[in-house]
PDB file of all heavy atoms in Angstrom:
ATOM      1  N   ARG A   1      58.448 -55.305 144.829  1.00  0.00           N
ATOM      2  CA  ARG A   1      58.449 -53.857 144.605  1.00  0.00           C
ATOM      3  C   ARG A   1      58.766 -53.492 143.156  1.00  0.00           C
ATOM      4  O   ARG A   1      58.220 -52.538 142.607  1.00  0.00           O
ATOM      5  CB  ARG A   1      59.439 -53.168 145.542  1.00  0.00           C
ATOM      6  CG  ARG A   1      59.025 -53.199 147.012  1.00  0.00           C
ATOM      7  CD  ARG A   1      59.984 -52.363 147.846  1.00  0.00           C
ATOM      8  NE  ARG A   1      59.708 -52.444 149.270  1.00  0.00           N
ATOM      9  CZ  ARG A   1      58.760 -51.764 149.907  1.00  0.00           C
ATOM     10  NH1 ARG A   1      57.988 -50.934 149.227  1.00  0.00           N
ATOM     11  NH2 ARG A   1      58.587 -51.896 151.210  1.00  0.00           N
ATOM     12  N   GLU A   2      59.666 -54.253 142.522  1.00  0.00           N
ATOM     13  CA  GLU A   2      60.126 -53.875 141.186  1.00  0.00           C
ATOM     14  C   GLU A   2      59.352 -54.547 140.066  1.00  0.00           C
ATOM     15  O   GLU A   2      59.207 -53.974 138.986  1.00  0.00           O
ATOM     16  CB  GLU A   2      61.623 -54.195 141.054  1.00  0.00           C
ATOM     17  CG  GLU A   2      62.499 -53.341 141.970  1.00  0.00           C
ATOM     18  CD  GLU A   2      63.979 -53.604 141.773  1.00  0.00           C
ATOM     19  OE1 GLU A   2      64.333 -54.471 140.938  1.00  0.00           O
ATOM     20  OE2 GLU A   2      64.789 -52.949 142.462  1.00  0.00           O
ATOM     21  N   LYS A   3      58.863 -55.758 140.293  1.00  0.00           N
ATOM     22  CA  LYS A   3      58.144 -56.467 139.237  1.00  0.00           C
ATOM     23  C   LYS A   3      56.629 -56.267 139.391  1.00  0.00           C
ATOM     24  O   LYS A   3      55.886 -57.176 139.766  1.00  0.00           O
ATOM     25  CB  LYS A   3      58.506 -57.952 139.253  1.00  0.00           C
ATOM     26  CG  LYS A   3      59.927 -58.231 138.795  1.00  0.00           C
ATOM     27  CD  LYS A   3      60.181 -59.714 138.592  1.00  0.00           C
ATOM     28  CE  LYS A   3      61.511 -59.970 137.906  1.00  0.00           C
ATOM     29  NZ  LYS A   3      61.757 -61.414 137.675  1.00  0.00           N
ATOM     30  N   LYS A   4      56.213 -55.057 139.095  1.00  0.00           N
ATOM     31  CA  LYS A   4      54.799 -54.701 139.248  1.00  0.00           C
ATOM     32  C   LYS A   4      53.891 -55.483 138.302  1.00  0.00           C
ATOM     33  O   LYS A   4      52.704 -55.666 138.573  1.00  0.00           O
ATOM     34  CB  LYS A   4      54.606 -53.200 138.990  1.00  0.00           C
ATOM     35  CG  LYS A   4      55.410 -52.293 139.900  1.00  0.00           C
ATOM     36  CD  LYS A   4      54.963 -52.374 141.340  1.00  0.00           C
ATOM     37  CE  LYS A   4      55.692 -51.338 142.203  1.00  0.00           C
ATOM     38  NZ  LYS A   4      55.303 -51.432 143.629  1.00  0.00           N
ATOM     39  N   ASP A   5      54.462 -55.950 137.166  1.00  0.00           N
ATOM     40  CA  ASP A   5      53.653 -56.675 136.189  1.00  0.00           C
ATOM     41  C   ASP A   5      53.932 -58.181 136.232  1.00  0.00           C
ATOM     42  O   ASP A   5      53.720 -58.883 135.259  1.00  0.00           O
ATOM     43  CB  ASP A   5      53.904 -56.144 134.773  1.00  0.00           C
ATOM     44  CG  ASP A   5      52.736 -56.477 133.835  1.00  0.00           C
ATOM     45  OD1 ASP A   5      51.578 -56.345 134.260  1.00  0.00           O
ATOM     46  OD2 ASP A   5      52.995 -56.890 132.685  1.00  0.00           O
ATOM     47  N   SER A   6      54.379 -58.645 137.400  1.00  0.00           N
ATOM     48  CA  SER A   6      54.561 -60.086 137.570  1.00  0.00           C
ATOM     49  C   SER A   6      53.207 -60.740 137.821  1.00  0.00           C
ATOM     50  O   SER A   6      52.258 -60.093 138.296  1.00  0.00           O
ATOM     51  CB  SER A   6      55.497 -60.371 138.749  1.00  0.00           C
ATOM     52  OG  SER A   6      54.912 -59.915 139.960  1.00  0.00           O
ATOM     53  N   SER A   7      53.114 -62.017 137.500  1.00  0.00           N
ATOM     54  CA  SER A   7      51.843 -62.732 137.653  1.00  0.00           C
ATOM     55  C   SER A   7      51.361 -62.712 139.099  1.00  0.00           C
ATOM     56  O   SER A   7      50.157 -62.575 139.362  1.00  0.00           O
ATOM     57  CB  SER A   7      51.990 -64.180 137.176  1.00  0.00           C
ATOM     58  OG  SER A   7      53.075 -64.831 137.818  1.00  0.00           O
ATOM     59  N   LEU A   8      52.288 -62.810 140.058  1.00  0.00           N
ATOM     60  CA  LEU A   8      51.900 -62.812 141.470  1.00  0.00           C
ATOM     61  C   LEU A   8      51.365 -61.458 141.912  1.00  0.00           C
ATOM     62  O   LEU A   8      50.304 -61.371 142.533  1.00  0.00           O
ATOM     63  CB  LEU A   8      53.098 -63.210 142.344  1.00  0.00           C
ATOM     64  CG  LEU A   8      52.845 -63.182 143.858  1.00  0.00           C
ATOM     65  CD1 LEU A   8      51.772 -64.192 144.249  1.00  0.00           C
ATOM     66  CD2 LEU A   8      54.138 -63.459 144.616  1.00  0.00           C
ATOM     67  N   VAL A   9      52.079 -60.394 141.590  1.00  0.00           N
ATOM     68  CA  VAL A   9      51.671 -59.048 142.016  1.00  0.00           C
ATOM     69  C   VAL A   9      50.363 -58.628 141.341  1.00  0.00           C
ATOM     70  O   VAL A   9      49.476 -58.053 141.981  1.00  0.00           O
ATOM     71  CB  VAL A   9      52.781 -58.019 141.749  1.00  0.00           C
ATOM     72  CG1 VAL A   9      52.298 -56.603 142.052  1.00  0.00           C
ATOM     73  CG2 VAL A   9      54.015 -58.348 142.593  1.00  0.00           C
ATOM     74  N   VAL A  10      50.230 -58.932 140.064  1.00  0.00           N
ATOM     75  CA  VAL A  10      48.991 -58.600 139.347  1.00  0.00           C
ATOM     76  C   VAL A  10      47.812 -59.355 139.969  1.00  0.00           C
ATOM     77  O   VAL A  10      46.729 -58.793 140.176  1.00  0.00           O
ATOM     78  CB  VAL A  10      49.110 -58.932 137.847  1.00  0.00           C
ATOM     79  CG1 VAL A  10      47.755 -58.782 137.148  1.00  0.00           C
ATOM     80  CG2 VAL A  10      50.142 -58.019 137.184  1.00  0.00           C
ATOM     81  N   ALA A  11      48.019 -60.624 140.294  1.00  0.00           N
ATOM     82  CA  ALA A  11      46.957 -61.417 140.926  1.00  0.00           C
ATOM     83  C   ALA A  11      46.577 -60.839 142.283  1.00  0.00           C
ATOM     84  O   ALA A  11      45.388 -60.748 142.634  1.00  0.00           O
ATOM     85  CB  ALA A  11      47.409 -62.868 141.070  1.00  0.00           C
ATOM     86  N   MET A  12      47.571 -60.428 143.055  1.00  0.00           N
ATOM     87  CA  MET A  12      47.297 -59.858 144.375  1.00  0.00           C
ATOM     88  C   MET A  12      46.588 -58.513 144.271  1.00  0.00           C
ATOM     89  O   MET A  12      45.736 -58.179 145.106  1.00  0.00           O
ATOM     90  CB  MET A  12      48.594 -59.723 145.174  1.00  0.00           C
ATOM     91  CG  MET A  12      49.120 -61.052 145.673  1.00  0.00           C
ATOM     92  SD  MET A  12      50.495 -60.874 146.820  1.00  0.00           S
ATOM     93  CE  MET A  12      50.580 -62.554 147.482  1.00  0.00           C
ATOM     94  N   ASN A  13      46.908 -57.750 143.254  1.00  0.00           N
ATOM     95  CA  ASN A  13      46.219 -56.473 143.059  1.00  0.00           C
ATOM     96  C   ASN A  13      44.748 -56.677 142.710  1.00  0.00           C
ATOM     97  O   ASN A  13      43.908 -55.826 143.026  1.00  0.00           O
ATOM     98  CB  ASN A  13      46.918 -55.658 141.975  1.00  0.00           C
ATOM     99  CG  ASN A  13      48.012 -54.767 142.542  1.00  0.00           C
ATOM    100  OD1 ASN A  13      47.785 -54.046 143.521  1.00  0.00           O
ATOM    101  ND2 ASN A  13      49.198 -54.828 141.959  1.00  0.00           N
ATOM    102  N   LEU A  14      44.422 -57.791 142.071  1.00  0.00           N
ATOM    103  CA  LEU A  14      43.016 -58.103 141.802  1.00  0.00           C
ATOM    104  C   LEU A  14      42.251 -58.273 143.112  1.00  0.00           C
ATOM    105  O   LEU A  14      41.106 -57.834 143.238  1.00  0.00           O
ATOM    106  CB  LEU A  14      42.912 -59.381 140.960  1.00  0.00           C
ATOM    107  CG  LEU A  14      43.371 -59.283 139.507  1.00  0.00           C
ATOM    108  CD1 LEU A  14      43.346 -60.658 138.853  1.00  0.00           C
ATOM    109  CD2 LEU A  14      42.480 -58.311 138.718  1.00  0.00           C
ATOM    110  N   VAL A  15      42.893 -58.888 144.093  1.00  0.00           N
ATOM    111  CA  VAL A  15      42.270 -59.047 145.408  1.00  0.00           C
ATOM    112  C   VAL A  15      42.196 -57.706 146.121  1.00  0.00           C
ATOM    113  O   VAL A  15      41.171 -57.346 146.703  1.00  0.00           O
ATOM    114  CB  VAL A  15      43.043 -60.072 146.258  1.00  0.00           C
ATOM    115  CG1 VAL A  15      42.486 -60.139 147.679  1.00  0.00           C
ATOM    116  CG2 VAL A  15      42.990 -61.456 145.611  1.00  0.00           C
ATOM    117  N   ARG A  16      43.268 -56.945 146.051  1.00  0.00           N
ATOM    118  CA  ARG A  16      43.312 -55.636 146.705  1.00  0.00           C
ATOM    119  C   ARG A  16      42.215 -54.703 146.178  1.00  0.00           C
ATOM    120  O   ARG A  16      41.600 -53.952 146.936  1.00  0.00           O
ATOM    121  CB  ARG A  16      44.676 -54.998 146.485  1.00  0.00           C
ATOM    122  CG  ARG A  16      44.812 -53.608 147.077  1.00  0.00           C
ATOM    123  CD  ARG A  16      46.202 -53.051 146.861  1.00  0.00           C
ATOM    124  NE  ARG A  16      46.368 -51.739 147.467  1.00  0.00           N
ATOM    125  CZ  ARG A  16      47.518 -51.095 147.544  1.00  0.00           C
ATOM    126  NH1 ARG A  16      48.618 -51.646 147.051  1.00  0.00           N
ATOM    127  NH2 ARG A  16      47.586 -49.907 148.109  1.00  0.00           N
ATOM    128  N   ASN A  17      41.947 -54.793 144.878  1.00  0.00           N
ATOM    129  CA  ASN A  17      40.953 -53.915 144.248  1.00  0.00           C
ATOM    130  C   ASN A  17      39.551 -54.524 144.210  1.00  0.00           C
ATOM    131  O   ASN A  17      38.668 -54.009 143.516  1.00  0.00           O
ATOM    132  CB  ASN A  17      41.409 -53.577 142.826  1.00  0.00           C
ATOM    133  CG  ASN A  17      42.726 -52.813 142.798  1.00  0.00           C
ATOM    134  OD1 ASN A  17      43.017 -52.041 143.708  1.00  0.00           O
ATOM    135  ND2 ASN A  17      43.546 -53.037 141.771  1.00  0.00           N
ATOM    136  N   ASP A  18      39.373 -55.631 144.933  1.00  0.00           N
ATOM    137  CA  ASP A  18      38.074 -56.324 145.028  1.00  0.00           C
ATOM    138  C   ASP A  18      37.592 -56.894 143.698  1.00  0.00           C
ATOM    139  O   ASP A  18      36.389 -57.083 143.498  1.00  0.00           O
ATOM    140  CB  ASP A  18      37.002 -55.384 145.616  1.00  0.00           C
ATOM    141  CG  ASP A  18      37.278 -55.005 147.054  1.00  0.00           C
ATOM    142  OD1 ASP A  18      37.796 -55.861 147.792  1.00  0.00           O
ATOM    143  OD2 ASP A  18      36.989 -53.858 147.442  1.00  0.00           O
ATOM    144  N   ASP A  19      38.518 -57.162 142.788  1.00  0.00           N
ATOM    145  CA  ASP A  19      38.159 -57.819 141.534  1.00  0.00           C
ATOM    146  C   ASP A  19      38.255 -59.342 141.660  1.00  0.00           C
ATOM    147  O   ASP A  19      37.852 -60.072 140.753  1.00  0.00           O
ATOM    148  CB  ASP A  19      39.082 -57.343 140.405  1.00  0.00           C
ATOM    149  CG  ASP A  19      38.864 -55.863 140.077  1.00  0.00           C
ATOM    150  OD1 ASP A  19      37.692 -55.441 140.045  1.00  0.00           O
ATOM    151  OD2 ASP A  19      39.857 -55.145 139.871  1.00  0.00           O
ATOM    152  N   ALA A  20      38.809 -59.787 142.775  1.00  0.00           N
ATOM    153  CA  ALA A  20      38.880 -61.222 143.080  1.00  0.00           C
ATOM    154  C   ALA A  20      38.769 -61.397 144.588  1.00  0.00           C
ATOM    155  O   ALA A  20      39.113 -60.490 145.361  1.00  0.00           O
ATOM    156  CB  ALA A  20      40.188 -61.826 142.570  1.00  0.00           C
ATOM    157  N   ASP A  21      38.256 -62.544 144.995  1.00  0.00           N
ATOM    158  CA  ASP A  21      38.109 -62.833 146.418  1.00  0.00           C
ATOM    159  C   ASP A  21      39.355 -63.449 147.019  1.00  0.00           C
ATOM    160  O   ASP A  21      39.577 -63.372 148.227  1.00  0.00           O
ATOM    161  CB  ASP A  21      36.934 -63.803 146.636  1.00  0.00           C
ATOM    162  CG  ASP A  21      35.621 -63.236 146.145  1.00  0.00           C
ATOM    163  OD1 ASP A  21      35.239 -62.154 146.623  1.00  0.00           O
ATOM    164  OD2 ASP A  21      34.980 -63.866 145.274  1.00  0.00           O
ATOM    165  N   ALA A  22      40.151 -64.101 146.189  1.00  0.00           N
ATOM    166  CA  ALA A  22      41.311 -64.828 146.691  1.00  0.00           C
ATOM    167  C   ALA A  22      42.375 -64.938 145.619  1.00  0.00           C
ATOM    168  O   ALA A  22      42.088 -64.823 144.429  1.00  0.00           O
ATOM    169  CB  ALA A  22      40.899 -66.227 147.143  1.00  0.00           C
ATOM    170  N   VAL A  23      43.607 -65.161 146.068  1.00  0.00           N
ATOM    171  CA  VAL A  23      44.703 -65.441 145.155  1.00  0.00           C
ATOM    172  C   VAL A  23      45.352 -66.756 145.591  1.00  0.00           C
ATOM    173  O   VAL A  23      45.548 -66.997 146.781  1.00  0.00           O
ATOM    174  CB  VAL A  23      45.753 -64.301 145.116  1.00  0.00           C
ATOM    175  CG1 VAL A  23      46.308 -64.003 146.494  1.00  0.00           C
ATOM    176  CG2 VAL A  23      46.884 -64.634 144.159  1.00  0.00           C
ATOM    177  N   VAL A  24      45.649 -67.599 144.628  1.00  0.00           N
ATOM    178  CA  VAL A  24      46.322 -68.868 144.878  1.00  0.00           C
ATOM    179  C   VAL A  24      47.624 -68.869 144.094  1.00  0.00           C
ATOM    180  O   VAL A  24      47.636 -68.531 142.909  1.00  0.00           O
ATOM    181  CB  VAL A  24      45.453 -70.078 144.451  1.00  0.00           C
ATOM    182  CG1 VAL A  24      46.256 -71.375 144.544  1.00  0.00           C
ATOM    183  CG2 VAL A  24      44.199 -70.166 145.307  1.00  0.00           C
ATOM    184  N   SER A  25      48.718 -69.249 144.755  1.00  0.00           N
ATOM    185  CA  SER A  25      50.015 -69.294 144.069  1.00  0.00           C
ATOM    186  C   SER A  25      50.872 -70.419 144.622  1.00  0.00           C
ATOM    187  O   SER A  25      50.890 -70.671 145.827  1.00  0.00           O
ATOM    188  CB  SER A  25      50.761 -67.966 144.237  1.00  0.00           C
ATOM    189  OG  SER A  25      52.050 -68.039 143.643  1.00  0.00           O
ATOM    190  N   ALA A  26      51.585 -71.087 143.713  1.00  0.00           N
ATOM    191  CA  ALA A  26      52.564 -72.101 144.094  1.00  0.00           C
ATOM    192  C   ALA A  26      53.975 -71.551 143.910  1.00  0.00           C
ATOM    193  O   ALA A  26      54.938 -72.302 143.876  1.00  0.00           O
ATOM    194  CB  ALA A  26      52.376 -73.362 143.248  1.00  0.00           C
ATOM    195  N   GLY A  27      54.068 -70.240 143.801  1.00  0.00           N
ATOM    196  CA  GLY A  27      55.350 -69.593 143.567  1.00  0.00           C
ATOM    197  C   GLY A  27      56.168 -69.395 144.829  1.00  0.00           C
ATOM    198  O   GLY A  27      55.951 -70.057 145.846  1.00  0.00           O
ATOM    199  N   SER A  28      57.104 -68.468 144.779  1.00  0.00           N
ATOM    200  CA  SER A  28      58.036 -68.191 145.876  1.00  0.00           C
ATOM    201  C   SER A  28      57.298 -67.868 147.173  1.00  0.00           C
ATOM    202  O   SER A  28      56.488 -66.934 147.234  1.00  0.00           O
ATOM    203  CB  SER A  28      58.929 -67.001 145.499  1.00  0.00           C
ATOM    204  OG  SER A  28      59.545 -66.437 146.629  1.00  0.00           O
ATOM    205  N   THR A  29      57.589 -68.629 148.220  1.00  0.00           N
ATOM    206  CA  THR A  29      56.944 -68.397 149.516  1.00  0.00           C
ATOM    207  C   THR A  29      57.258 -67.008 150.034  1.00  0.00           C
ATOM    208  O   THR A  29      56.370 -66.296 150.516  1.00  0.00           O
ATOM    209  CB  THR A  29      57.402 -69.450 150.550  1.00  0.00           C
ATOM    210  OG1 THR A  29      57.069 -70.751 150.075  1.00  0.00           O
ATOM    211  CG2 THR A  29      56.727 -69.222 151.897  1.00  0.00           C
ATOM    212  N   GLY A  30      58.525 -66.617 149.927  1.00  0.00           N
ATOM    213  CA  GLY A  30      58.919 -65.300 150.407  1.00  0.00           C
ATOM    214  C   GLY A  30      58.177 -64.177 149.704  1.00  0.00           C
ATOM    215  O   GLY A  30      57.712 -63.225 150.335  1.00  0.00           O
ATOM    216  N   ALA A  31      58.052 -64.280 148.387  1.00  0.00           N
ATOM    217  CA  ALA A  31      57.346 -63.258 147.616  1.00  0.00           C
ATOM    218  C   ALA A  31      55.859 -63.237 147.972  1.00  0.00           C
ATOM    219  O   ALA A  31      55.238 -62.164 148.023  1.00  0.00           O
ATOM    220  CB  ALA A  31      57.529 -63.501 146.121  1.00  0.00           C
ATOM    221  N   ILE A  32      55.288 -64.394 148.215  1.00  0.00           N
ATOM    222  CA  ILE A  32      53.870 -64.464 148.596  1.00  0.00           C
ATOM    223  C   ILE A  32      53.650 -63.797 149.954  1.00  0.00           C
ATOM    224  O   ILE A  32      52.691 -63.043 150.137  1.00  0.00           O
ATOM    225  CB  ILE A  32      53.399 -65.929 148.629  1.00  0.00           C
ATOM    226  CG1 ILE A  32      53.356 -66.494 147.211  1.00  0.00           C
ATOM    227  CG2 ILE A  32      52.012 -66.049 149.277  1.00  0.00           C
ATOM    228  CD1 ILE A  32      53.163 -67.994 147.150  1.00  0.00           C
ATOM    229  N   LEU A  33      54.559 -64.039 150.894  1.00  0.00           N
ATOM    230  CA  LEU A  33      54.446 -63.426 152.226  1.00  0.00           C
ATOM    231  C   LEU A  33      54.604 -61.910 152.150  1.00  0.00           C
ATOM    232  O   LEU A  33      53.834 -61.160 152.757  1.00  0.00           O
ATOM    233  CB  LEU A  33      55.499 -64.020 153.160  1.00  0.00           C
ATOM    234  CG  LEU A  33      55.400 -65.522 153.445  1.00  0.00           C
ATOM    235  CD1 LEU A  33      56.555 -65.981 154.321  1.00  0.00           C
ATOM    236  CD2 LEU A  33      54.079 -65.860 154.102  1.00  0.00           C
ATOM    237  N   VAL A  34      55.607 -61.471 151.390  1.00  0.00           N
ATOM    238  CA  VAL A  34      55.837 -60.027 151.250  1.00  0.00           C
ATOM    239  C   VAL A  34      54.683 -59.376 150.495  1.00  0.00           C
ATOM    240  O   VAL A  34      54.152 -58.341 150.906  1.00  0.00           O
ATOM    241  CB  VAL A  34      57.172 -59.763 150.518  1.00  0.00           C
ATOM    242  CG1 VAL A  34      57.302 -58.281 150.161  1.00  0.00           C
ATOM    243  CG2 VAL A  34      58.348 -60.196 151.385  1.00  0.00           C
ATOM    244  N   GLY A  35      54.282 -59.984 149.374  1.00  0.00           N
ATOM    245  CA  GLY A  35      53.188 -59.433 148.589  1.00  0.00           C
ATOM    246  C   GLY A  35      51.878 -59.401 149.358  1.00  0.00           C
ATOM    247  O   GLY A  35      51.093 -58.455 149.231  1.00  0.00           O
ATOM    248  N   GLY A  36      51.651 -60.424 150.155  1.00  0.00           N
ATOM    249  CA  GLY A  36      50.433 -60.451 150.952  1.00  0.00           C
ATOM    250  C   GLY A  36      50.325 -59.249 151.862  1.00  0.00           C
ATOM    251  O   GLY A  36      49.260 -58.646 152.002  1.00  0.00           O
ATOM    252  N   GLN A  37      51.454 -58.873 152.464  1.00  0.00           N
ATOM    253  CA  GLN A  37      51.436 -57.750 153.399  1.00  0.00           C
ATOM    254  C   GLN A  37      51.497 -56.392 152.693  1.00  0.00           C
ATOM    255  O   GLN A  37      50.778 -55.461 153.065  1.00  0.00           O
ATOM    256  CB  GLN A  37      52.596 -57.879 154.385  1.00  0.00           C
ATOM    257  CG  GLN A  37      52.496 -59.126 155.258  1.00  0.00           C
ATOM    258  CD  GLN A  37      53.503 -59.124 156.393  1.00  0.00           C
ATOM    259  OE1 GLN A  37      53.411 -58.346 157.331  1.00  0.00           O
ATOM    260  NE2 GLN A  37      54.478 -60.011 156.299  1.00  0.00           N
ATOM    261  N   LEU A  38      52.342 -56.292 151.643  1.00  0.00           N
ATOM    262  CA  LEU A  38      52.510 -55.005 150.967  1.00  0.00           C
ATOM    263  C   LEU A  38      51.372 -54.694 149.996  1.00  0.00           C
ATOM    264  O   LEU A  38      50.974 -53.529 149.864  1.00  0.00           O
ATOM    265  CB  LEU A  38      53.841 -54.980 150.208  1.00  0.00           C
ATOM    266  CG  LEU A  38      55.123 -55.024 151.042  1.00  0.00           C
ATOM    267  CD1 LEU A  38      56.345 -54.946 150.133  1.00  0.00           C
ATOM    268  CD2 LEU A  38      55.146 -53.890 152.070  1.00  0.00           C
ATOM    269  N   VAL A  39      50.864 -55.701 149.306  1.00  0.00           N
ATOM    270  CA  VAL A  39      49.848 -55.474 148.277  1.00  0.00           C
ATOM    271  C   VAL A  39      48.434 -55.665 148.838  1.00  0.00           C
ATOM    272  O   VAL A  39      47.598 -54.761 148.753  1.00  0.00           O
ATOM    273  CB  VAL A  39      50.065 -56.407 147.060  1.00  0.00           C
ATOM    274  CG1 VAL A  39      49.005 -56.140 145.994  1.00  0.00           C
ATOM    275  CG2 VAL A  39      51.463 -56.214 146.483  1.00  0.00           C
ATOM    276  N   VAL A  40      48.171 -56.822 149.400  1.00  0.00           N
ATOM    277  CA  VAL A  40      46.826 -57.098 149.932  1.00  0.00           C
ATOM    278  C   VAL A  40      46.607 -56.349 151.234  1.00  0.00           C
ATOM    279  O   VAL A  40      45.559 -55.739 151.458  1.00  0.00           O
ATOM    280  CB  VAL A  40      46.622 -58.612 150.130  1.00  0.00           C
ATOM    281  CG1 VAL A  40      45.246 -58.899 150.726  1.00  0.00           C
ATOM    282  CG2 VAL A  40      46.786 -59.350 148.802  1.00  0.00           C
ATOM    283  N   GLY A  41      47.585 -56.376 152.123  1.00  0.00           N
ATOM    284  CA  GLY A  41      47.519 -55.636 153.378  1.00  0.00           C
ATOM    285  C   GLY A  41      46.935 -56.448 154.523  1.00  0.00           C
ATOM    286  O   GLY A  41      46.133 -57.353 154.324  1.00  0.00           O
ATOM    287  N   ARG A  42      47.358 -56.101 155.745  1.00  0.00           N
ATOM    288  CA  ARG A  42      46.881 -56.788 156.937  1.00  0.00           C
ATOM    289  C   ARG A  42      45.554 -56.223 157.423  1.00  0.00           C
ATOM    290  O   ARG A  42      45.263 -55.047 157.240  1.00  0.00           O
ATOM    291  CB  ARG A  42      47.894 -56.681 158.083  1.00  0.00           C
ATOM    292  CG  ARG A  42      49.207 -57.359 157.841  1.00  0.00           C
ATOM    293  CD  ARG A  42      49.981 -57.540 159.142  1.00  0.00           C
ATOM    294  NE  ARG A  42      50.184 -56.291 159.856  1.00  0.00           N
ATOM    295  CZ  ARG A  42      51.245 -55.504 159.708  1.00  0.00           C
ATOM    296  NH1 ARG A  42      52.187 -55.840 158.856  1.00  0.00           N
ATOM    297  NH2 ARG A  42      51.369 -54.403 160.414  1.00  0.00           N
ATOM    298  N   ILE A  43      44.778 -57.070 158.066  1.00  0.00           N
ATOM    299  CA  ILE A  43      43.565 -56.629 158.756  1.00  0.00           C
ATOM    300  C   ILE A  43      43.991 -55.706 159.898  1.00  0.00           C
ATOM    301  O   ILE A  43      44.962 -55.981 160.603  1.00  0.00           O
ATOM    302  CB  ILE A  43      42.788 -57.835 159.310  1.00  0.00           C
ATOM    303  CG1 ILE A  43      42.232 -58.691 158.170  1.00  0.00           C
ATOM    304  CG2 ILE A  43      41.661 -57.394 160.242  1.00  0.00           C
ATOM    305  CD1 ILE A  43      41.616 -60.002 158.617  1.00  0.00           C
ATOM    306  N   LYS A  44      43.286 -54.626 160.098  1.00  0.00           N
ATOM    307  CA  LYS A  44      43.619 -53.678 161.160  1.00  0.00           C
ATOM    308  C   LYS A  44      43.610 -54.388 162.514  1.00  0.00           C
ATOM    309  O   LYS A  44      42.630 -55.036 162.880  1.00  0.00           O
ATOM    310  CB  LYS A  44      42.612 -52.527 161.171  1.00  0.00           C
ATOM    311  CG  LYS A  44      42.965 -51.423 162.166  1.00  0.00           C
ATOM    312  CD  LYS A  44      41.980 -50.270 162.090  1.00  0.00           C
ATOM    313  CE  LYS A  44      42.355 -49.164 163.071  1.00  0.00           C
ATOM    314  NZ  LYS A  44      41.394 -48.027 163.007  1.00  0.00           N
ATOM    315  N   GLY A  45      44.704 -54.259 163.226  1.00  0.00           N
ATOM    316  CA  GLY A  45      44.811 -54.896 164.534  1.00  0.00           C
ATOM    317  C   GLY A  45      45.610 -56.186 164.522  1.00  0.00           C
ATOM    318  O   GLY A  45      46.055 -56.649 165.570  1.00  0.00           O
TER     319      GLY A  45
END
């Protein structure tokens, strides 16, 4: 939520905005899980 210009969040926003098809990260598992849901978002249902 606070590090909007972090490498992980910026990468995920590329996917969210359809500028990338996928994001790959070897970073914090917790941040990847949270970012995946908050930034990329879940499929409806």
